C-alpha cells in the first residue's frame, strides 16, 4: 500500500528537487549530505542525474546507523 502511494506522488525517476522533497530536506542539504555520496545510485539522462525512490530509501537505510 505504501509503495502505491509513493508511485502516485512521484514519477519513477526523480529530479534533484523531487528527491529532496521525498527525503524531507531542502535541495542544498540533499546536495551536501546525500547527492555528494558515491554510494547513492543514480541514472544519467543526458547530463542530468535522476534517482529512484528505491535507491534513495536503500541509501538512507544503509547510512542511518
N, C-alpha and C. Protein backbone atom coordinates (compact mmCIF):
# COMPACT_ATOMS: atom_id res chain seq x y z
N UNK A 1 0.82 -1.20 0.00
CA UNK A 1 0.00 0.00 0.00
C UNK A 1 0.86 1.25 0.00
N UNK A 2 1.91 1.25 0.82
CA UNK A 2 2.80 2.41 0.92
C UNK A 2 3.45 2.72 -0.42
N UNK A 3 3.91 1.67 -1.13
CA UNK A 3 4.57 1.87 -2.43
C UNK A 3 3.62 2.46 -3.46
N UNK A 4 2.35 2.08 -3.41
CA UNK A 4 1.37 2.63 -4.35
C UNK A 4 1.16 4.11 -4.11
N UNK A 5 1.16 4.54 -2.86
CA UNK A 5 1.03 5.97 -2.56
C UNK A 5 2.22 6.75 -3.08
N UNK A 6 3.42 6.19 -2.93
CA UNK A 6 4.62 6.85 -3.43
C UNK A 6 4.57 6.95 -4.95
N UNK A 7 4.13 5.88 -5.61
CA UNK A 7 4.06 5.89 -7.07
C UNK A 7 3.09 6.94 -7.57
N UNK A 8 2.03 7.23 -6.82
CA UNK A 8 1.07 8.25 -7.23
C UNK A 8 1.66 9.65 -7.08
N UNK A 9 2.49 9.85 -6.07
CA UNK A 9 3.05 11.16 -5.79
C UNK A 9 4.27 11.49 -6.64
N UNK A 10 5.08 10.50 -6.95
CA UNK A 10 6.35 10.74 -7.61
C UNK A 10 6.47 9.91 -8.89
N UNK A 11 7.16 10.44 -9.90
CA UNK A 11 7.45 9.63 -11.09
C UNK A 11 8.52 8.59 -10.74
N UNK A 12 8.78 7.65 -11.64
CA UNK A 12 9.77 6.61 -11.36
C UNK A 12 11.17 7.20 -11.17
N UNK A 13 11.57 8.12 -12.03
CA UNK A 13 12.87 8.78 -11.90
C UNK A 13 12.66 10.19 -11.37
N UNK A 14 13.28 10.47 -10.23
CA UNK A 14 13.10 11.74 -9.57
C UNK A 14 14.24 12.70 -9.90
N UNK A 15 13.89 13.97 -10.01
CA UNK A 15 14.88 15.02 -10.17
C UNK A 15 15.51 15.30 -8.80
N UNK A 16 16.49 16.13 -8.77
CA UNK A 16 17.14 16.54 -7.53
C UNK A 16 16.12 17.14 -6.56
N UNK A 17 15.26 18.01 -7.06
CA UNK A 17 14.27 18.66 -6.23
C UNK A 17 13.23 17.67 -5.70
N UNK A 18 12.80 16.75 -6.55
CA UNK A 18 11.83 15.74 -6.12
C UNK A 18 12.45 14.78 -5.11
N UNK A 19 13.71 14.41 -5.31
CA UNK A 19 14.40 13.52 -4.37
C UNK A 19 14.54 14.20 -3.01
N UNK A 20 14.88 15.48 -3.01
CA UNK A 20 14.99 16.23 -1.76
C UNK A 20 13.63 16.29 -1.07
N UNK A 21 12.58 16.53 -1.82
CA UNK A 21 11.23 16.58 -1.26
C UNK A 21 10.84 15.23 -0.67
N UNK A 22 11.14 14.15 -1.37
CA UNK A 22 10.83 12.81 -0.88
C UNK A 22 11.51 12.56 0.46
N UNK A 23 12.75 13.01 0.60
CA UNK A 23 13.50 12.79 1.83
C UNK A 23 13.17 13.81 2.91
N UNK A 24 12.46 14.87 2.54
CA UNK A 24 12.07 15.87 3.52
C UNK A 24 13.17 16.85 3.87
N UNK A 25 14.06 17.10 2.91
CA UNK A 25 15.15 18.07 3.11
C UNK A 25 15.13 19.07 1.96
N UNK A 26 15.81 20.19 2.15
CA UNK A 26 15.89 21.15 1.06
C UNK A 26 16.95 20.69 0.05
N UNK A 27 16.87 21.15 -1.20
CA UNK A 27 17.80 20.70 -2.24
C UNK A 27 19.28 20.93 -1.90
N UNK A 28 19.60 22.01 -1.20
CA UNK A 28 21.01 22.25 -0.84
C UNK A 28 21.51 21.21 0.16
N UNK A 29 20.67 20.83 1.11
CA UNK A 29 21.05 19.78 2.06
C UNK A 29 21.16 18.44 1.35
N UNK A 30 20.27 18.18 0.40
CA UNK A 30 20.34 16.95 -0.39
C UNK A 30 21.68 16.88 -1.12
N UNK A 31 22.09 17.99 -1.73
CA UNK A 31 23.38 18.03 -2.42
C UNK A 31 24.54 17.75 -1.47
N UNK A 32 24.50 18.38 -0.31
CA UNK A 32 25.62 18.29 0.63
C UNK A 32 25.73 16.93 1.31
N UNK A 33 24.60 16.37 1.75
CA UNK A 33 24.65 15.17 2.57
C UNK A 33 24.32 13.87 1.83
N UNK A 34 23.59 13.94 0.74
CA UNK A 34 23.15 12.72 0.07
C UNK A 34 23.77 12.61 -1.32
N UNK A 35 23.53 13.59 -2.14
CA UNK A 35 23.97 13.54 -3.54
C UNK A 35 25.49 13.46 -3.68
N UNK A 36 26.21 14.02 -2.75
CA UNK A 36 27.67 14.02 -2.83
C UNK A 36 28.28 12.64 -2.56
N UNK A 37 27.49 11.71 -2.07
CA UNK A 37 27.98 10.36 -1.75
C UNK A 37 27.99 9.48 -2.99
N UNK A 38 29.09 8.79 -3.21
CA UNK A 38 29.19 7.87 -4.36
C UNK A 38 28.29 6.65 -4.21
N UNK A 39 27.90 6.32 -2.98
CA UNK A 39 27.08 5.13 -2.74
C UNK A 39 25.65 5.29 -3.26
N UNK A 40 25.20 6.51 -3.50
CA UNK A 40 23.85 6.74 -4.00
C UNK A 40 23.80 6.40 -5.48
N UNK A 41 22.93 5.43 -5.82
CA UNK A 41 22.78 5.05 -7.22
C UNK A 41 21.99 6.14 -7.95
N UNK A 42 22.43 6.44 -9.15
CA UNK A 42 21.78 7.47 -9.96
C UNK A 42 21.77 7.08 -11.42
N UNK A 43 20.86 7.64 -12.14
CA UNK A 43 20.77 7.43 -13.58
C UNK A 43 21.05 8.76 -14.25
N UNK A 44 21.78 8.70 -15.34
CA UNK A 44 22.05 9.92 -16.09
C UNK A 44 21.13 9.98 -17.31
N UNK A 45 20.43 11.06 -17.44
CA UNK A 45 19.61 11.33 -18.62
C UNK A 45 20.28 12.54 -19.26
N UNK A 46 21.07 12.27 -20.27
CA UNK A 46 21.91 13.35 -20.81
C UNK A 46 22.92 13.72 -19.76
N UNK A 47 22.90 14.97 -19.33
CA UNK A 47 23.81 15.43 -18.27
C UNK A 47 23.08 15.64 -16.95
N UNK A 48 21.84 15.18 -16.86
CA UNK A 48 21.06 15.36 -15.64
C UNK A 48 20.94 14.05 -14.86
N UNK A 49 21.11 14.14 -13.55
CA UNK A 49 21.00 12.98 -12.69
C UNK A 49 19.54 12.75 -12.31
N UNK A 50 19.16 11.48 -12.21
CA UNK A 50 17.84 11.09 -11.74
C UNK A 50 18.01 9.97 -10.72
N UNK A 51 17.04 9.87 -9.80
CA UNK A 51 17.12 8.92 -8.69
C UNK A 51 15.80 8.18 -8.58
N UNK A 52 15.84 6.93 -8.13
CA UNK A 52 14.61 6.19 -7.87
C UNK A 52 14.31 6.26 -6.37
N UNK A 53 13.05 6.10 -6.02
CA UNK A 53 12.64 6.07 -4.62
C UNK A 53 13.34 4.91 -3.93
N UNK A 54 13.44 3.79 -4.61
CA UNK A 54 14.09 2.61 -4.04
C UNK A 54 15.56 2.89 -3.71
N UNK A 55 16.28 3.53 -4.63
CA UNK A 55 17.69 3.85 -4.40
C UNK A 55 17.85 4.82 -3.23
N UNK A 56 16.97 5.80 -3.14
CA UNK A 56 17.02 6.76 -2.04
C UNK A 56 16.73 6.08 -0.70
N UNK A 57 15.73 5.21 -0.69
CA UNK A 57 15.37 4.50 0.53
C UNK A 57 16.50 3.59 0.98
N UNK A 58 17.10 2.86 0.05
CA UNK A 58 18.23 1.98 0.39
C UNK A 58 19.40 2.78 0.93
N UNK A 59 19.70 3.90 0.30
CA UNK A 59 20.82 4.74 0.74
C UNK A 59 20.60 5.22 2.18
N UNK A 60 19.41 5.72 2.46
CA UNK A 60 19.12 6.23 3.81
C UNK A 60 19.16 5.10 4.83
N UNK A 61 18.60 3.96 4.48
CA UNK A 61 18.61 2.82 5.40
C UNK A 61 20.04 2.38 5.71
N UNK A 62 20.89 2.32 4.71
CA UNK A 62 22.28 1.89 4.91
C UNK A 62 23.10 2.90 5.69
N UNK A 63 22.76 4.17 5.60
CA UNK A 63 23.57 5.21 6.23
C UNK A 63 22.94 5.81 7.48
N UNK A 64 21.94 5.18 8.03
CA UNK A 64 21.29 5.72 9.23
C UNK A 64 21.53 4.82 10.43
N UNK A 65 22.78 4.63 10.71
CA UNK A 65 23.15 3.77 11.86
C UNK A 65 23.34 4.63 13.09
